Amino acid sequence: MGGPAIPITDETLYGPIPWELMEKLAWMHFTAPYDYSGQPTLSTPCGVTDDGLPLSLQLVGKHLQEGLLCRIGHAYERATGFNRLHPKVLVRVTEA
């Protein structure tokens, strides 16, 4: 992916995505074609940003090659160990 995940707020969950965040979603042109082509994809962690946010790598396989794609992803995770990184999770509690 071209960058870390965007911040999640009530507005981004239940409303239109604000224009200032649309620029951060520009990487979608790398991923959207596979939403329509039906090719199998697999996302796996590939590091963290300086702020500790997770980064991911998307692997794309040929049609009906899901097994091979999973084996490649598994080998990558075993070789790098990025799948064992866990970012800090901030929990926001709101009063009802």
PDB file of N, CA and C in Angstrom:
ATOM      1  N   MET A   1       0.851  -1.171   0.000  1.00  0.00           N
ATOM      2  CA  MET A   1       0.000   0.000   0.000  1.00  0.00           C
ATOM      3  C   MET A   1       0.893   1.230   0.000  1.00  0.00           C
ATOM      4  N   GLY A   2       0.349   2.294  -0.450  1.00  0.00           N
ATOM      5  CA  GLY A   2       1.118   3.518  -0.572  1.00  0.00           C
ATOM      6  C   GLY A   2       1.298   4.289   0.710  1.00  0.00           C
ATOM      7  N   GLY A   3       0.683   3.861   1.785  1.00  0.00           N
ATOM      8  CA  GLY A   3       0.807   4.578   3.051  1.00  0.00           C
ATOM      9  C   GLY A   3      -0.004   3.902   4.133  1.00  0.00           C
ATOM     10  N   PRO A   4       0.001   4.489   5.326  1.00  0.00           N
ATOM     11  CA  PRO A   4      -0.731   3.888   6.443  1.00  0.00           C
ATOM     12  C   PRO A   4      -2.233   4.094   6.300  1.00  0.00           C
ATOM     13  N   ALA A   5      -2.962   3.419   7.136  1.00  0.00           N
ATOM     14  CA  ALA A   5      -4.421   3.558   7.155  1.00  0.00           C
ATOM     15  C   ALA A   5      -4.820   4.977   7.540  1.00  0.00           C
ATOM     16  N   ILE A   6      -5.991   5.387   7.067  1.00  0.00           N
ATOM     17  CA  ILE A   6      -6.488   6.716   7.434  1.00  0.00           C
ATOM     18  C   ILE A   6      -7.122   6.636   8.816  1.00  0.00           C
ATOM     19  N   PRO A   7      -7.169   7.756   9.536  1.00  0.00           N
ATOM     20  CA  PRO A   7      -7.817   7.748  10.856  1.00  0.00           C
ATOM     21  C   PRO A   7      -9.307   7.413  10.719  1.00  0.00           C
ATOM     22  N   ILE A   8      -9.821   6.663  11.650  1.00  0.00           N
ATOM     23  CA  ILE A   8     -11.233   6.299  11.641  1.00  0.00           C
ATOM     24  C   ILE A   8     -11.971   7.153  12.667  1.00  0.00           C
ATOM     25  N   THR A   9     -13.011   7.793  12.202  1.00  0.00           N
ATOM     26  CA  THR A   9     -13.873   8.590  13.072  1.00  0.00           C
ATOM     27  C   THR A   9     -15.317   8.189  12.791  1.00  0.00           C
ATOM     28  N   ASP A  10     -16.244   8.672  13.608  1.00  0.00           N
ATOM     29  CA  ASP A  10     -17.654   8.388  13.354  1.00  0.00           C
ATOM     30  C   ASP A  10     -18.066   8.898  11.973  1.00  0.00           C
ATOM     31  N   GLU A  11     -17.511  10.037  11.573  1.00  0.00           N
ATOM     32  CA  GLU A  11     -17.862  10.616  10.280  1.00  0.00           C
ATOM     33  C   GLU A  11     -17.388   9.738   9.123  1.00  0.00           C
ATOM     34  N   THR A  12     -16.167   9.179   9.226  1.00  0.00           N
ATOM     35  CA  THR A  12     -15.667   8.346   8.128  1.00  0.00           C
ATOM     36  C   THR A  12     -16.334   6.976   8.120  1.00  0.00           C
ATOM     37  N   LEU A  13     -16.866   6.536   9.256  1.00  0.00           N
ATOM     38  CA  LEU A  13     -17.572   5.263   9.289  1.00  0.00           C
ATOM     39  C   LEU A  13     -18.981   5.367   8.728  1.00  0.00           C
ATOM     40  N   TYR A  14     -19.669   6.462   9.018  1.00  0.00           N
ATOM     41  CA  TYR A  14     -21.096   6.552   8.717  1.00  0.00           C
ATOM     42  C   TYR A  14     -21.466   7.683   7.768  1.00  0.00           C
ATOM     43  N   GLY A  15     -20.510   8.290   7.154  1.00  0.00           N
ATOM     44  CA  GLY A  15     -20.825   9.372   6.236  1.00  0.00           C
ATOM     45  C   GLY A  15     -19.859   9.387   5.081  1.00  0.00           C
ATOM     46  N   PRO A  16     -19.986  10.377   4.241  1.00  0.00           N
ATOM     47  CA  PRO A  16     -19.044  10.457   3.121  1.00  0.00           C
ATOM     48  C   PRO A  16     -17.629  10.741   3.626  1.00  0.00           C
ATOM     49  N   ILE A  17     -16.652  10.286   2.873  1.00  0.00           N
ATOM     50  CA  ILE A  17     -15.259  10.517   3.251  1.00  0.00           C
ATOM     51  C   ILE A  17     -14.921  11.973   2.974  1.00  0.00           C
ATOM     52  N   PRO A  18     -14.414  12.702   3.977  1.00  0.00           N
ATOM     53  CA  PRO A  18     -14.069  14.111   3.768  1.00  0.00           C
ATOM     54  C   PRO A  18     -13.019  14.265   2.661  1.00  0.00           C
ATOM     55  N   TRP A  19     -13.099  15.353   1.915  1.00  0.00           N
ATOM     56  CA  TRP A  19     -12.191  15.588   0.798  1.00  0.00           C
ATOM     57  C   TRP A  19     -10.733  15.558   1.215  1.00  0.00           C
ATOM     58  N   GLU A  20     -10.410  16.038   2.409  1.00  0.00           N
ATOM     59  CA  GLU A  20      -9.007  16.052   2.821  1.00  0.00           C
ATOM     60  C   GLU A  20      -8.441  14.637   3.000  1.00  0.00           C
ATOM     61  N   LEU A  21      -9.316  13.660   3.215  1.00  0.00           N
ATOM     62  CA  LEU A  21      -8.851  12.280   3.324  1.00  0.00           C
ATOM     63  C   LEU A  21      -8.785  11.582   1.965  1.00  0.00           C
ATOM     64  N   MET A  22      -9.506  12.096   0.996  1.00  0.00           N
ATOM     65  CA  MET A  22      -9.510  11.467  -0.329  1.00  0.00           C
ATOM     66  C   MET A  22      -8.109  11.407  -0.921  1.00  0.00           C
ATOM     67  N   GLU A  23      -7.308  12.432  -0.678  1.00  0.00           N
ATOM     68  CA  GLU A  23      -5.938  12.443  -1.185  1.00  0.00           C
ATOM     69  C   GLU A  23      -5.136  11.281  -0.613  1.00  0.00           C
ATOM     70  N   LYS A  24      -5.409  10.956   0.653  1.00  0.00           N
ATOM     71  CA  LYS A  24      -4.701   9.849   1.294  1.00  0.00           C
ATOM     72  C   LYS A  24      -5.153   8.496   0.758  1.00  0.00           C
ATOM     73  N   LEU A  25      -6.292   8.473   0.064  1.00  0.00           N
ATOM     74  CA  LEU A  25      -6.800   7.222  -0.491  1.00  0.00           C
ATOM     75  C   LEU A  25      -6.393   7.037  -1.949  1.00  0.00           C
ATOM     76  N   ALA A  26      -5.455   7.836  -2.421  1.00  0.00           N
ATOM     77  CA  ALA A  26      -5.035   7.768  -3.821  1.00  0.00           C
ATOM     78  C   ALA A  26      -4.455   6.399  -4.176  1.00  0.00           C
ATOM     79  N   TRP A  27      -3.973   5.647  -3.199  1.00  0.00           N
ATOM     80  CA  TRP A  27      -3.411   4.322  -3.461  1.00  0.00           C
ATOM     81  C   TRP A  27      -4.460   3.343  -3.951  1.00  0.00           C
ATOM     82  N   MET A  28      -5.738   3.700  -3.844  1.00  0.00           N
ATOM     83  CA  MET A  28      -6.792   2.771  -4.251  1.00  0.00           C
ATOM     84  C   MET A  28      -6.685   2.383  -5.722  1.00  0.00           C
ATOM     85  N   HIS A  29      -6.038   3.220  -6.536  1.00  0.00           N
ATOM     86  CA  HIS A  29      -5.925   2.841  -7.949  1.00  0.00           C
ATOM     87  C   HIS A  29      -5.016   1.625  -8.129  1.00  0.00           C
ATOM     88  N   PHE A  30      -4.271   1.261  -7.095  1.00  0.00           N
ATOM     89  CA  PHE A  30      -3.468   0.037  -7.150  1.00  0.00           C
ATOM     90  C   PHE A  30      -4.296  -1.193  -6.758  1.00  0.00           C
ATOM     91  N   THR A  31      -5.300  -1.000  -5.932  1.00  0.00           N
ATOM     92  CA  THR A  31      -6.049  -2.135  -5.400  1.00  0.00           C
ATOM     93  C   THR A  31      -7.411  -2.338  -6.056  1.00  0.00           C
ATOM     94  N   ALA A  32      -8.060  -1.274  -6.482  1.00  0.00           N
ATOM     95  CA  ALA A  32      -9.421  -1.361  -7.012  1.00  0.00           C
ATOM     96  C   ALA A  32      -9.567  -2.277  -8.221  1.00  0.00           C
ATOM     97  N   PRO A  33      -8.604  -2.351  -9.133  1.00  0.00           N
ATOM     98  CA  PRO A  33      -8.804  -3.243 -10.295  1.00  0.00           C
ATOM     99  C   PRO A  33      -9.084  -4.696  -9.906  1.00  0.00           C
ATOM    100  N   TYR A  34      -8.527  -5.145  -8.804  1.00  0.00           N
ATOM    101  CA  TYR A  34      -8.713  -6.533  -8.405  1.00  0.00           C
ATOM    102  C   TYR A  34     -10.064  -6.749  -7.743  1.00  0.00           C
ATOM    103  N   ASP A  35     -10.700  -5.664  -7.286  1.00  0.00           N
ATOM    104  CA  ASP A  35     -12.067  -5.771  -6.782  1.00  0.00           C
ATOM    105  C   ASP A  35     -13.015  -6.160  -7.920  1.00  0.00           C
ATOM    106  N   TYR A  36     -12.667  -5.752  -9.128  1.00  0.00           N
ATOM    107  CA  TYR A  36     -13.536  -5.990 -10.283  1.00  0.00           C
ATOM    108  C   TYR A  36     -13.102  -7.170 -11.141  1.00  0.00           C
ATOM    109  N   SER A  37     -11.824  -7.509 -11.140  1.00  0.00           N
ATOM    110  CA  SER A  37     -11.333  -8.581 -12.009  1.00  0.00           C
ATOM    111  C   SER A  37     -11.571  -9.969 -11.434  1.00  0.00           C
ATOM    112  N   GLY A  38     -11.769 -10.043 -10.132  1.00  0.00           N
ATOM    113  CA  GLY A  38     -11.967 -11.336  -9.492  1.00  0.00           C
ATOM    114  C   GLY A  38     -10.680 -12.088  -9.228  1.00  0.00           C
ATOM    115  N   GLN A  39      -9.536 -11.458  -9.466  1.00  0.00           N
ATOM    116  CA  GLN A  39      -8.269 -12.127  -9.178  1.00  0.00           C
ATOM    117  C   GLN A  39      -8.079 -12.204  -7.667  1.00  0.00           C
ATOM    118  N   PRO A  40      -7.492 -13.305  -7.193  1.00  0.00           N
ATOM    119  CA  PRO A  40      -7.275 -13.428  -5.747  1.00  0.00           C
ATOM    120  C   PRO A  40      -6.174 -12.474  -5.271  1.00  0.00           C
ATOM    121  N   THR A  41      -6.383 -11.912  -4.108  1.00  0.00           N
ATOM    122  CA  THR A  41      -5.380 -11.040  -3.489  1.00  0.00           C
ATOM    123  C   THR A  41      -5.173 -11.475  -2.049  1.00  0.00           C
ATOM    124  N   LEU A  42      -4.046 -11.126  -1.513  1.00  0.00           N
ATOM    125  CA  LEU A  42      -3.720 -11.410  -0.129  1.00  0.00           C
ATOM    126  C   LEU A  42      -2.935 -10.218   0.403  1.00  0.00           C
ATOM    127  N   SER A  43      -3.361  -9.694   1.528  1.00  0.00           N
ATOM    128  CA  SER A  43      -2.632  -8.589   2.161  1.00  0.00           C
ATOM    129  C   SER A  43      -1.912  -9.118   3.390  1.00  0.00           C
ATOM    130  N   THR A  44      -0.685  -8.662   3.561  1.00  0.00           N
ATOM    131  CA  THR A  44       0.122  -9.108   4.690  1.00  0.00           C
ATOM    132  C   THR A  44       0.901  -7.922   5.237  1.00  0.00           C
ATOM    133  N   PRO A  45       1.158  -7.886   6.532  1.00  0.00           N
ATOM    134  CA  PRO A  45       1.925  -6.786   7.108  1.00  0.00           C
ATOM    135  C   PRO A  45       3.337  -6.720   6.515  1.00  0.00           C
ATOM    136  N   CYS A  46       3.825  -5.487   6.330  1.00  0.00           N
ATOM    137  CA  CYS A  46       5.189  -5.336   5.806  1.00  0.00           C
ATOM    138  C   CYS A  46       5.973  -4.263   6.555  1.00  0.00           C
ATOM    139  N   GLY A  47       5.538  -3.905   7.756  1.00  0.00           N
ATOM    140  CA  GLY A  47       6.269  -2.932   8.554  1.00  0.00           C
ATOM    141  C   GLY A  47       5.338  -1.974   9.254  1.00  0.00           C
ATOM    142  N   VAL A  48       5.926  -0.937   9.827  1.00  0.00           N
ATOM    143  CA  VAL A  48       5.169   0.110  10.505  1.00  0.00           C
ATOM    144  C   VAL A  48       5.770   1.471  10.151  1.00  0.00           C
ATOM    145  N   THR A  49       4.949   2.499  10.281  1.00  0.00           N
ATOM    146  CA  THR A  49       5.423   3.861  10.054  1.00  0.00           C
ATOM    147  C   THR A  49       6.215   4.327  11.277  1.00  0.00           C
ATOM    148  N   ASP A  50       6.802   5.515  11.175  1.00  0.00           N
ATOM    149  CA  ASP A  50       7.502   6.094  12.323  1.00  0.00           C
ATOM    150  C   ASP A  50       6.561   6.300  13.507  1.00  0.00           C
ATOM    151  N   ASP A  51       5.255   6.478  13.210  1.00  0.00           N
ATOM    152  CA  ASP A  51       4.255   6.666  14.263  1.00  0.00           C
ATOM    153  C   ASP A  51       3.712   5.348  14.799  1.00  0.00           C
ATOM    154  N   GLY A  52       4.199   4.228  14.261  1.00  0.00           N
ATOM    155  CA  GLY A  52       3.754   2.925  14.739  1.00  0.00           C
ATOM    156  C   GLY A  52       2.522   2.380  14.040  1.00  0.00           C
ATOM    157  N   LEU A  53       2.053   3.049  12.970  1.00  0.00           N
ATOM    158  CA  LEU A  53       0.892   2.551  12.240  1.00  0.00           C
ATOM    159  C   LEU A  53       1.322   1.431  11.297  1.00  0.00           C
ATOM    160  N   PRO A  54       0.489   0.398  11.158  1.00  0.00           N
ATOM    161  CA  PRO A  54       0.877  -0.736  10.313  1.00  0.00           C
ATOM    162  C   PRO A  54       0.838  -0.390   8.829  1.00  0.00           C
ATOM    163  N   LEU A  55       1.743  -1.008   8.093  1.00  0.00           N
ATOM    164  CA  LEU A  55       1.778  -0.927   6.636  1.00  0.00           C
ATOM    165  C   LEU A  55       1.539  -2.326   6.096  1.00  0.00           C
ATOM    166  N   SER A  56       0.982  -2.415   4.888  1.00  0.00           N
ATOM    167  CA  SER A  56       0.713  -3.735   4.343  1.00  0.00           C
ATOM    168  C   SER A  56       1.158  -3.834   2.890  1.00  0.00           C
ATOM    169  N   LEU A  57       1.320  -5.061   2.463  1.00  0.00           N
ATOM    170  CA  LEU A  57       1.720  -5.407   1.106  1.00  0.00           C
ATOM    171  C   LEU A  57       0.602  -6.253   0.528  1.00  0.00           C
ATOM    172  N   GLN A  58       0.145  -5.910  -0.676  1.00  0.00           N
ATOM    173  CA  GLN A  58      -0.892  -6.708  -1.321  1.00  0.00           C
ATOM    174  C   GLN A  58      -0.257  -7.554  -2.415  1.00  0.00           C
ATOM    175  N   LEU A  59      -0.488  -8.845  -2.343  1.00  0.00           N
ATOM    176  CA  LEU A  59      -0.026  -9.775  -3.355  1.00  0.00           C
ATOM    177  C   LEU A  59      -1.217 -10.147  -4.235  1.00  0.00           C
ATOM    178  N   VAL A  60      -0.991 -10.281  -5.529  1.00  0.00           N
ATOM    179  CA  VAL A  60      -2.052 -10.605  -6.474  1.00  0.00           C
ATOM    180  C   VAL A  60      -1.676 -11.893  -7.196  1.00  0.00           C
ATOM    181  N   GLY A  61      -2.639 -12.796  -7.283  1.00  0.00           N
ATOM    182  CA  GLY A  61      -2.395 -14.064  -7.963  1.00  0.00           C
ATOM    183  C   GLY A  61      -3.204 -14.192  -9.234  1.00  0.00           C
ATOM    184  N   LYS A  62      -2.896 -15.213  -9.987  1.00  0.00           N
ATOM    185  CA  LYS A  62      -3.680 -15.532 -11.176  1.00  0.00           C
ATOM    186  C   LYS A  62      -4.985 -16.189 -10.739  1.00  0.00           C
ATOM    187  N   HIS A  63      -5.966 -16.171 -11.612  1.00  0.00           N
ATOM    188  CA  HIS A  63      -7.244 -16.813 -11.316  1.00  0.00           C
ATOM    189  C   HIS A  63      -7.021 -18.273 -10.912  1.00  0.00           C
ATOM    190  N   LEU A  64      -7.732 -18.686  -9.874  1.00  0.00           N
ATOM    191  CA  LEU A  64      -7.704 -20.053  -9.345  1.00  0.00           C
ATOM    192  C   LEU A  64      -6.348 -20.457  -8.779  1.00  0.00           C
ATOM    193  N   GLN A  65      -5.538 -19.484  -8.385  1.00  0.00           N
ATOM    194  CA  GLN A  65      -4.232 -19.772  -7.790  1.00  0.00           C
ATOM    195  C   GLN A  65      -4.165 -19.313  -6.330  1.00  0.00           C
ATOM    196  N   GLU A  66      -5.297 -19.418  -5.627  1.00  0.00           N
ATOM    197  CA  GLU A  66      -5.351 -18.992  -4.237  1.00  0.00           C
ATOM    198  C   GLU A  66      -4.373 -19.754  -3.357  1.00  0.00           C
ATOM    199  N   GLY A  67      -4.241 -21.045  -3.591  1.00  0.00           N
ATOM    200  CA  GLY A  67      -3.326 -21.863  -2.790  1.00  0.00           C
ATOM    201  C   GLY A  67      -1.886 -21.387  -2.908  1.00  0.00           C
ATOM    202  N   LEU A  68      -1.450 -21.122  -4.123  1.00  0.00           N
ATOM    203  CA  LEU A  68      -0.094 -20.615  -4.338  1.00  0.00           C
ATOM    204  C   LEU A  68       0.085 -19.261  -3.670  1.00  0.00           C
ATOM    205  N   LEU A  69      -0.914 -18.405  -3.793  1.00  0.00           N
ATOM    206  CA  LEU A  69      -0.841 -17.076  -3.187  1.00  0.00           C
ATOM    207  C   LEU A  69      -0.714 -17.179  -1.667  1.00  0.00           C
ATOM    208  N   CYS A  70      -1.465 -18.075  -1.059  1.00  0.00           N
ATOM    209  CA  CYS A  70      -1.371 -18.268   0.394  1.00  0.00           C
ATOM    210  C   CYS A  70      -0.007 -18.818   0.803  1.00  0.00           C
ATOM    211  N   ARG A  71       0.551 -19.716   0.019  1.00  0.00           N
ATOM    212  CA  ARG A  71       1.879 -20.248   0.336  1.00  0.00           C
ATOM    213  C   ARG A  71       2.949 -19.160   0.230  1.00  0.00           C
ATOM    214  N   ILE A  72       2.834 -18.302  -0.769  1.00  0.00           N
ATOM    215  CA  ILE A  72       3.786 -17.188  -0.912  1.00  0.00           C
ATOM    216  C   ILE A  72       3.660 -16.234   0.273  1.00  0.00           C
ATOM    217  N   GLY A  73       2.428 -15.890   0.636  1.00  0.00           N
ATOM    218  CA  GLY A  73       2.213 -14.998   1.776  1.00  0.00           C
ATOM    219  C   GLY A  73       2.739 -15.587   3.071  1.00  0.00           C
ATOM    220  N   HIS A  74       2.508 -16.883   3.261  1.00  0.00           N
ATOM    221  CA  HIS A  74       2.988 -17.558   4.467  1.00  0.00           C
ATOM    222  C   HIS A  74       4.522 -17.553   4.516  1.00  0.00           C
ATOM    223  N   ALA A  75       5.157 -17.829   3.389  1.00  0.00           N
ATOM    224  CA  ALA A  75       6.626 -17.821   3.338  1.00  0.00           C
ATOM    225  C   ALA A  75       7.167 -16.423   3.619  1.00  0.00           C
ATOM    226  N   TYR A  76       6.510 -15.406   3.083  1.00  0.00           N
ATOM    227  CA  TYR A  76       6.941 -14.021   3.320  1.00  0.00           C
ATOM    228  C   TYR A  76       6.846 -13.685   4.812  1.00  0.00           C
ATOM    229  N   GLU A  77       5.721 -14.036   5.427  1.00  0.00           N
ATOM    230  CA  GLU A  77       5.545 -13.735   6.849  1.00  0.00           C
ATOM    231  C   GLU A  77       6.571 -14.480   7.707  1.00  0.00           C
ATOM    232  N   ARG A  78       6.850 -15.714   7.385  1.00  0.00           N
ATOM    233  CA  ARG A  78       7.853 -16.468   8.150  1.00  0.00           C
ATOM    234  C   ARG A  78       9.241 -15.859   7.988  1.00  0.00           C
ATOM    235  N   ALA A  79       9.554 -15.386   6.781  1.00  0.00           N
ATOM    236  CA  ALA A  79      10.886 -14.834   6.515  1.00  0.00           C
ATOM    237  C   ALA A  79      11.085 -13.461   7.140  1.00  0.00           C
ATOM    238  N   THR A  80      10.023 -12.654   7.224  1.00  0.00           N
ATOM    239  CA  THR A  80      10.174 -11.274   7.701  1.00  0.00           C
ATOM    240  C   THR A  80       9.766 -11.077   9.147  1.00  0.00           C
ATOM    241  N   GLY A  81       8.758 -11.792   9.624  1.00  0.00           N
ATOM    242  CA  GLY A  81       8.275 -11.614  10.991  1.00  0.00           C
ATOM    243  C   GLY A  81       7.402 -10.385  11.183  1.00  0.00           C
ATOM    244  N   PHE A  82       7.075  -9.684  10.099  1.00  0.00           N
ATOM    245  CA  PHE A  82       6.237  -8.489  10.242  1.00  0.00           C
ATOM    246  C   PHE A  82       4.858  -8.810  10.799  1.00  0.00           C
ATOM    247  N   ASN A  83       4.377 -10.017  10.594  1.00  0.00           N
ATOM    248  CA  ASN A  83       3.062 -10.395  11.100  1.00  0.00           C
ATOM    249  C   ASN A  83       3.023 -10.462  12.627  1.00  0.00           C
ATOM    250  N   ARG A  84       4.170 -10.408  13.280  1.00  0.00           N
ATOM    251  CA  ARG A  84       4.208 -10.438  14.749  1.00  0.00           C
ATOM    252  C   ARG A  84       4.255  -9.044  15.363  1.00  0.00           C
ATOM    253  N   LEU A  85       4.302  -8.004  14.521  1.00  0.00           N
ATOM    254  CA  LEU A  85       4.286  -6.632  15.036  1.00  0.00           C
ATOM    255  C   LEU A  85       2.861  -6.250  15.389  1.00  0.00           C
ATOM    256  N   HIS A  86       2.676  -5.647  16.522  1.00  0.00           N
ATOM    257  CA  HIS A  86       1.340  -5.225  16.953  1.00  0.00           C
ATOM    258  C   HIS A  86       1.387  -3.757  17.344  1.00  0.00           C
ATOM    259  N   PRO A  87       0.656  -2.895  16.614  1.00  0.00           N
ATOM    260  CA  PRO A  87       0.660  -1.472  16.960  1.00  0.00           C
ATOM    261  C   PRO A  87      -0.109  -1.239  18.252  1.00  0.00           C
ATOM    262  N   LYS A  88       0.179  -0.116  18.887  1.00  0.00           N
ATOM    263  CA  LYS A  88      -0.589   0.268  20.066  1.00  0.00           C
ATOM    264  C   LYS A  88      -1.994   0.624  19.617  1.00  0.00           C
ATOM    265  N   VAL A  89      -2.959   0.200  20.384  1.00  0.00           N
ATOM    266  CA  VAL A  89      -4.358   0.470  20.063  1.00  0.00           C
ATOM    267  C   VAL A  89      -4.861   1.497  21.060  1.00  0.00           C
ATOM    268  N   LEU A  90      -5.376   2.593  20.520  1.00  0.00           N
ATOM    269  CA  LEU A  90      -5.962   3.635  21.363  1.00  0.00           C
ATOM    270  C   LEU A  90      -7.458   3.454  21.380  1.00  0.00           C
ATOM    271  N   VAL A  91      -8.030   3.376  22.547  1.00  0.00           N
ATOM    272  CA  VAL A  91      -9.467   3.171  22.677  1.00  0.00           C
ATOM    273  C   VAL A  91     -10.075   4.468  23.184  1.00  0.00           C
ATOM    274  N   ARG A  92     -11.093   4.919  22.480  1.00  0.00           N
ATOM    275  CA  ARG A  92     -11.802   6.127  22.887  1.00  0.00           C
ATOM    276  C   ARG A  92     -13.144   5.713  23.480  1.00  0.00           C
ATOM    277  N   VAL A  93     -13.387   6.100  24.707  1.00  0.00           N
ATOM    278  CA  VAL A  93     -14.647   5.784  25.373  1.00  0.00           C
ATOM    279  C   VAL A  93     -15.499   7.042  25.368  1.00  0.00           C
ATOM    280  N   THR A  94     -16.725   6.873  24.890  1.00  0.00           N
ATOM    281  CA  THR A  94     -17.659   8.005  24.875  1.00  0.00           C
ATOM    282  C   THR A  94     -18.804   7.740  25.829  1.00  0.00           C
ATOM    283  N   GLU A  95     -19.296   8.780  26.398  1.00  0.00           N
ATOM    284  CA  GLU A  95     -20.444   8.679  27.315  1.00  0.00           C
ATOM    285  C   GLU A  95     -21.712   8.552  26.501  1.00  0.00           C
ATOM    286  N   ALA A  96     -22.599   7.680  26.914  1.00  0.00           N
ATOM    287  CA  ALA A  96     -23.860   7.486  26.191  1.00  0.00           C
ATOM    288  C   ALA A  96     -24.880   8.499  26.629  1.00  0.00           C
TER     289      ALA A  96
END
